[in-house]
PDB file of all heavy atoms in Angstrom:
ATOM      1  N   GLU A   1     153.494  55.227  84.855  1.00  0.00           N
ATOM      2  CA  GLU A   1     153.427  54.098  83.929  1.00  0.00           C
ATOM      3  C   GLU A   1     152.091  54.092  83.203  1.00  0.00           C
ATOM      4  O   GLU A   1     151.078  54.551  83.731  1.00  0.00           O
ATOM      5  CB  GLU A   1     153.593  52.759  84.663  1.00  0.00           C
ATOM      6  CG  GLU A   1     154.879  52.609  85.444  1.00  0.00           C
ATOM      7  CD  GLU A   1     154.698  52.904  86.914  1.00  0.00           C
ATOM      8  OE1 GLU A   1     153.798  53.695  87.263  1.00  0.00           O
ATOM      9  OE2 GLU A   1     155.460  52.345  87.723  1.00  0.00           O
ATOM     10  N   SER A   2     152.100  53.524  82.012  1.00  0.00           N
ATOM     11  CA  SER A   2     150.875  53.323  81.261  1.00  0.00           C
ATOM     12  C   SER A   2     151.072  52.154  80.307  1.00  0.00           C
ATOM     13  O   SER A   2     152.197  51.718  80.072  1.00  0.00           O
ATOM     14  CB  SER A   2     150.471  54.584  80.499  1.00  0.00           C
ATOM     15  OG  SER A   2     151.460  54.944  79.549  1.00  0.00           O
ATOM     16  N   GLY A   3     149.986  51.658  79.760  1.00  0.00           N
ATOM     17  CA  GLY A   3     150.056  50.626  78.742  1.00  0.00           C
ATOM     18  C   GLY A   3     149.678  49.235  79.192  1.00  0.00           C
ATOM     19  O   GLY A   3     149.636  48.311  78.369  1.00  0.00           O
ATOM     20  N   GLY A   4     149.412  49.052  80.474  1.00  0.00           N
ATOM     21  CA  GLY A   4     149.018  47.745  80.952  1.00  0.00           C
ATOM     22  C   GLY A   4     147.635  47.364  80.468  1.00  0.00           C
ATOM     23  O   GLY A   4     146.882  48.185  79.954  1.00  0.00           O
ATOM     24  N   GLY A   5     147.308  46.087  80.638  1.00  0.00           N
ATOM     25  CA  GLY A   5     146.004  45.606  80.216  1.00  0.00           C
ATOM     26  C   GLY A   5     145.937  44.101  80.225  1.00  0.00           C
ATOM     27  O   GLY A   5     146.795  43.425  80.794  1.00  0.00           O
ATOM     28  N   LEU A   6     144.908  43.583  79.590  1.00  0.00           N
ATOM     29  CA  LEU A   6     144.667  42.146  79.486  1.00  0.00           C
ATOM     30  C   LEU A   6     145.052  41.667  78.100  1.00  0.00           C
ATOM     31  O   LEU A   6     144.643  42.253  77.092  1.00  0.00           O
ATOM     32  CB  LEU A   6     143.194  41.842  79.758  1.00  0.00           C
ATOM     33  CG  LEU A   6     142.727  40.408  79.584  1.00  0.00           C
ATOM     34  CD1 LEU A   6     143.419  39.495  80.592  1.00  0.00           C
ATOM     35  CD2 LEU A   6     141.215  40.339  79.735  1.00  0.00           C
ATOM     36  N   VAL A   7     145.840  40.605  78.054  1.00  0.00           N
ATOM     37  CA  VAL A   7     146.298  40.062  76.781  1.00  0.00           C
ATOM     38  C   VAL A   7     146.342  38.537  76.878  1.00  0.00           C
ATOM     39  O   VAL A   7     146.558  37.977  77.955  1.00  0.00           O
ATOM     40  CB  VAL A   7     147.681  40.642  76.405  1.00  0.00           C
ATOM     41  CG1 VAL A   7     148.747  40.210  77.413  1.00  0.00           C
ATOM     42  CG2 VAL A   7     148.077  40.253  74.991  1.00  0.00           C
ATOM     43  N   GLN A   8     146.131  37.868  75.769  1.00  0.00           N
ATOM     44  CA  GLN A   8     146.215  36.410  75.733  1.00  0.00           C
ATOM     45  C   GLN A   8     147.662  35.949  75.713  1.00  0.00           C
ATOM     46  O   GLN A   8     148.556  36.664  75.257  1.00  0.00           O
ATOM     47  CB  GLN A   8     145.490  35.858  74.509  1.00  0.00           C
ATOM     48  CG  GLN A   8     143.987  36.033  74.542  1.00  0.00           C
ATOM     49  CD  GLN A   8     143.296  35.366  73.363  1.00  0.00           C
ATOM     50  OE1 GLN A   8     143.913  35.123  72.326  1.00  0.00           O
ATOM     51  NE2 GLN A   8     142.025  35.064  73.518  1.00  0.00           N
ATOM     52  N   ALA A   9     147.892  34.746  76.223  1.00  0.00           N
ATOM     53  CA  ALA A   9     149.227  34.157  76.171  1.00  0.00           C
ATOM     54  C   ALA A   9     149.743  34.153  74.739  1.00  0.00           C
ATOM     55  O   ALA A   9     149.011  33.831  73.799  1.00  0.00           O
ATOM     56  CB  ALA A   9     149.204  32.748  76.738  1.00  0.00           C
ATOM     57  N   GLY A  10     151.008  34.521  74.590  1.00  0.00           N
ATOM     58  CA  GLY A  10     151.612  34.635  73.278  1.00  0.00           C
ATOM     59  C   GLY A  10     151.523  36.011  72.671  1.00  0.00           C
ATOM     60  O   GLY A  10     152.189  36.286  71.663  1.00  0.00           O
ATOM     61  N   GLY A  11     150.736  36.878  73.280  1.00  0.00           N
ATOM     62  CA  GLY A  11     150.558  38.221  72.765  1.00  0.00           C
ATOM     63  C   GLY A  11     151.627  39.185  73.244  1.00  0.00           C
ATOM     64  O   GLY A  11     152.593  38.795  73.904  1.00  0.00           O
ATOM     65  N   SER A  12     151.423  40.455  72.925  1.00  0.00           N
ATOM     66  CA  SER A  12     152.404  41.491  73.226  1.00  0.00           C
ATOM     67  C   SER A  12     151.750  42.710  73.847  1.00  0.00           C
ATOM     68  O   SER A  12     150.576  42.999  73.612  1.00  0.00           O
ATOM     69  CB  SER A  12     153.135  41.936  71.950  1.00  0.00           C
ATOM     70  OG  SER A  12     153.843  40.873  71.355  1.00  0.00           O
ATOM     71  N   LEU A  13     152.521  43.420  74.647  1.00  0.00           N
ATOM     72  CA  LEU A  13     152.138  44.707  75.207  1.00  0.00           C
ATOM     73  C   LEU A  13     153.369  45.590  75.256  1.00  0.00           C
ATOM     74  O   LEU A  13     154.487  45.090  75.386  1.00  0.00           O
ATOM     75  CB  LEU A  13     151.577  44.574  76.622  1.00  0.00           C
ATOM     76  CG  LEU A  13     150.135  44.122  76.821  1.00  0.00           C
ATOM     77  CD1 LEU A  13     149.863  43.959  78.311  1.00  0.00           C
ATOM     78  CD2 LEU A  13     149.162  45.113  76.208  1.00  0.00           C
ATOM     79  N   ARG A  14     153.159  46.893  75.183  1.00  0.00           N
ATOM     80  CA  ARG A  14     154.238  47.845  75.391  1.00  0.00           C
ATOM     81  C   ARG A  14     153.864  48.791  76.516  1.00  0.00           C
ATOM     82  O   ARG A  14     152.847  49.488  76.440  1.00  0.00           O
ATOM     83  CB  ARG A  14     154.553  48.650  74.130  1.00  0.00           C
ATOM     84  CG  ARG A  14     155.816  49.507  74.300  1.00  0.00           C
ATOM     85  CD  ARG A  14     156.196  50.276  73.057  1.00  0.00           C
ATOM     86  NE  ARG A  14     155.336  51.435  72.842  1.00  0.00           N
ATOM     87  CZ  ARG A  14     155.672  52.482  72.093  1.00  0.00           C
ATOM     88  NH1 ARG A  14     156.844  52.513  71.471  1.00  0.00           N
ATOM     89  NH2 ARG A  14     154.812  53.478  71.949  1.00  0.00           N
ATOM     90  N   LEU A  15     154.682  48.804  77.549  1.00  0.00           N
ATOM     91  CA  LEU A  15     154.491  49.705  78.671  1.00  0.00           C
ATOM     92  C   LEU A  15     155.342  50.954  78.485  1.00  0.00           C
ATOM     93  O   LEU A  15     156.431  50.897  77.912  1.00  0.00           O
ATOM     94  CB  LEU A  15     154.874  49.029  79.988  1.00  0.00           C
ATOM     95  CG  LEU A  15     154.221  47.685  80.301  1.00  0.00           C
ATOM     96  CD1 LEU A  15     154.656  47.205  81.682  1.00  0.00           C
ATOM     97  CD2 LEU A  15     152.708  47.782  80.201  1.00  0.00           C
ATOM     98  N   SER A  16     154.839  52.073  78.993  1.00  0.00           N
ATOM     99  CA  SER A  16     155.573  53.328  78.956  1.00  0.00           C
ATOM    100  C   SER A  16     155.754  53.854  80.366  1.00  0.00           C
ATOM    101  O   SER A  16     154.918  53.631  81.240  1.00  0.00           O
ATOM    102  CB  SER A  16     154.824  54.374  78.128  1.00  0.00           C
ATOM    103  OG  SER A  16     154.682  53.960  76.788  1.00  0.00           O
ATOM    104  N   CYS A  17     156.845  54.563  80.582  1.00  0.00           N
ATOM    105  CA  CYS A  17     157.116  55.217  81.856  1.00  0.00           C
ATOM    106  C   CYS A  17     157.605  56.618  81.558  1.00  0.00           C
ATOM    107  O   CYS A  17     158.727  56.800  81.076  1.00  0.00           O
ATOM    108  CB  CYS A  17     158.155  54.438  82.657  1.00  0.00           C
ATOM    109  SG  CYS A  17     158.677  55.257  84.183  1.00  0.00           S
ATOM    110  N   ALA A  18     156.763  57.606  81.834  1.00  0.00           N
ATOM    111  CA  ALA A  18     157.093  59.000  81.585  1.00  0.00           C
ATOM    112  C   ALA A  18     157.623  59.641  82.853  1.00  0.00           C
ATOM    113  O   ALA A  18     156.993  59.547  83.908  1.00  0.00           O
ATOM    114  CB  ALA A  18     155.871  59.750  81.083  1.00  0.00           C
ATOM    115  N   ALA A  19     158.771  60.304  82.753  1.00  0.00           N
ATOM    116  CA  ALA A  19     159.421  60.925  83.894  1.00  0.00           C
ATOM    117  C   ALA A  19     159.344  62.436  83.805  1.00  0.00           C
ATOM    118  O   ALA A  19     159.431  63.016  82.721  1.00  0.00           O
ATOM    119  CB  ALA A  19     160.881  60.489  83.988  1.00  0.00           C
ATOM    120  N   SER A  20     159.199  63.068  84.953  1.00  0.00           N
ATOM    121  CA  SER A  20     159.241  64.521  85.040  1.00  0.00           C
ATOM    122  C   SER A  20     159.960  64.917  86.321  1.00  0.00           C
ATOM    123  O   SER A  20     160.190  64.090  87.201  1.00  0.00           O
ATOM    124  CB  SER A  20     157.838  65.122  84.996  1.00  0.00           C
ATOM    125  OG  SER A  20     157.062  64.664  86.090  1.00  0.00           O
ATOM    126  N   GLY A  21     160.323  66.195  86.428  1.00  0.00           N
ATOM    127  CA  GLY A  21     161.058  66.665  87.581  1.00  0.00           C
ATOM    128  C   GLY A  21     162.556  66.689  87.309  1.00  0.00           C
ATOM    129  O   GLY A  21     162.979  66.939  86.185  1.00  0.00           O
ATOM    130  N   ARG A  22     163.362  66.389  88.332  1.00  0.00           N
ATOM    131  CA  ARG A  22     164.818  66.450  88.222  1.00  0.00           C
ATOM    132  C   ARG A  22     165.369  65.189  87.572  1.00  0.00           C
ATOM    133  O   ARG A  22     165.778  64.247  88.247  1.00  0.00           O
ATOM    134  CB  ARG A  22     165.448  66.659  89.598  1.00  0.00           C
ATOM    135  CG  ARG A  22     165.127  68.009  90.213  1.00  0.00           C
ATOM    136  CD  ARG A  22     165.877  68.206  91.512  1.00  0.00           C
ATOM    137  NE  ARG A  22     165.650  69.529  92.080  1.00  0.00           N
ATOM    138  CZ  ARG A  22     166.216  69.979  93.176  1.00  0.00           C
ATOM    139  NH1 ARG A  22     167.052  69.202  93.853  1.00  0.00           N
ATOM    140  NH2 ARG A  22     165.941  71.201  93.615  1.00  0.00           N
ATOM    141  N   THR A  23     165.387  65.194  86.256  1.00  0.00           N
ATOM    142  CA  THR A  23     165.863  64.041  85.503  1.00  0.00           C
ATOM    143  C   THR A  23     167.292  64.205  84.993  1.00  0.00           C
ATOM    144  O   THR A  23     167.835  63.273  84.400  1.00  0.00           O
ATOM    145  CB  THR A  23     164.936  63.768  84.312  1.00  0.00           C
ATOM    146  OG1 THR A  23     164.925  64.898  83.445  1.00  0.00           O
ATOM    147  CG2 THR A  23     163.519  63.496  84.791  1.00  0.00           C
ATOM    148  N   PHE A  24     167.907  65.357  85.227  1.00  0.00           N
ATOM    149  CA  PHE A  24     169.217  65.642  84.663  1.00  0.00           C
ATOM    150  C   PHE A  24     170.334  64.799  85.272  1.00  0.00           C
ATOM    151  O   PHE A  24     171.377  64.614  84.647  1.00  0.00           O
ATOM    152  CB  PHE A  24     169.551  67.131  84.797  1.00  0.00           C
ATOM    153  CG  PHE A  24     169.493  67.647  86.198  1.00  0.00           C
ATOM    154  CD1 PHE A  24     170.582  67.548  87.042  1.00  0.00           C
ATOM    155  CD2 PHE A  24     168.335  68.249  86.674  1.00  0.00           C
ATOM    156  CE1 PHE A  24     170.524  68.032  88.338  1.00  0.00           C
ATOM    157  CE2 PHE A  24     168.265  68.732  87.967  1.00  0.00           C
ATOM    158  CZ  PHE A  24     169.369  68.616  88.799  1.00  0.00           C
ATOM    159  N   SER A  25     170.147  64.304  86.470  1.00  0.00           N
ATOM    160  CA  SER A  25     171.168  63.510  87.148  1.00  0.00           C
ATOM    161  C   SER A  25     170.881  62.007  87.109  1.00  0.00           C
ATOM    162  O   SER A  25     171.458  61.246  87.880  1.00  0.00           O
ATOM    163  CB  SER A  25     171.311  63.970  88.600  1.00  0.00           C
ATOM    164  OG  SER A  25     170.090  63.799  89.308  1.00  0.00           O
TER     165      SER A  25
END
């Protein structure tokens, strides 16, 4: 995961989750 942080109420954030390995199933 990445993209976390500190933000004020009412604001926005976008988190990412990058996968590797056996993702075909």
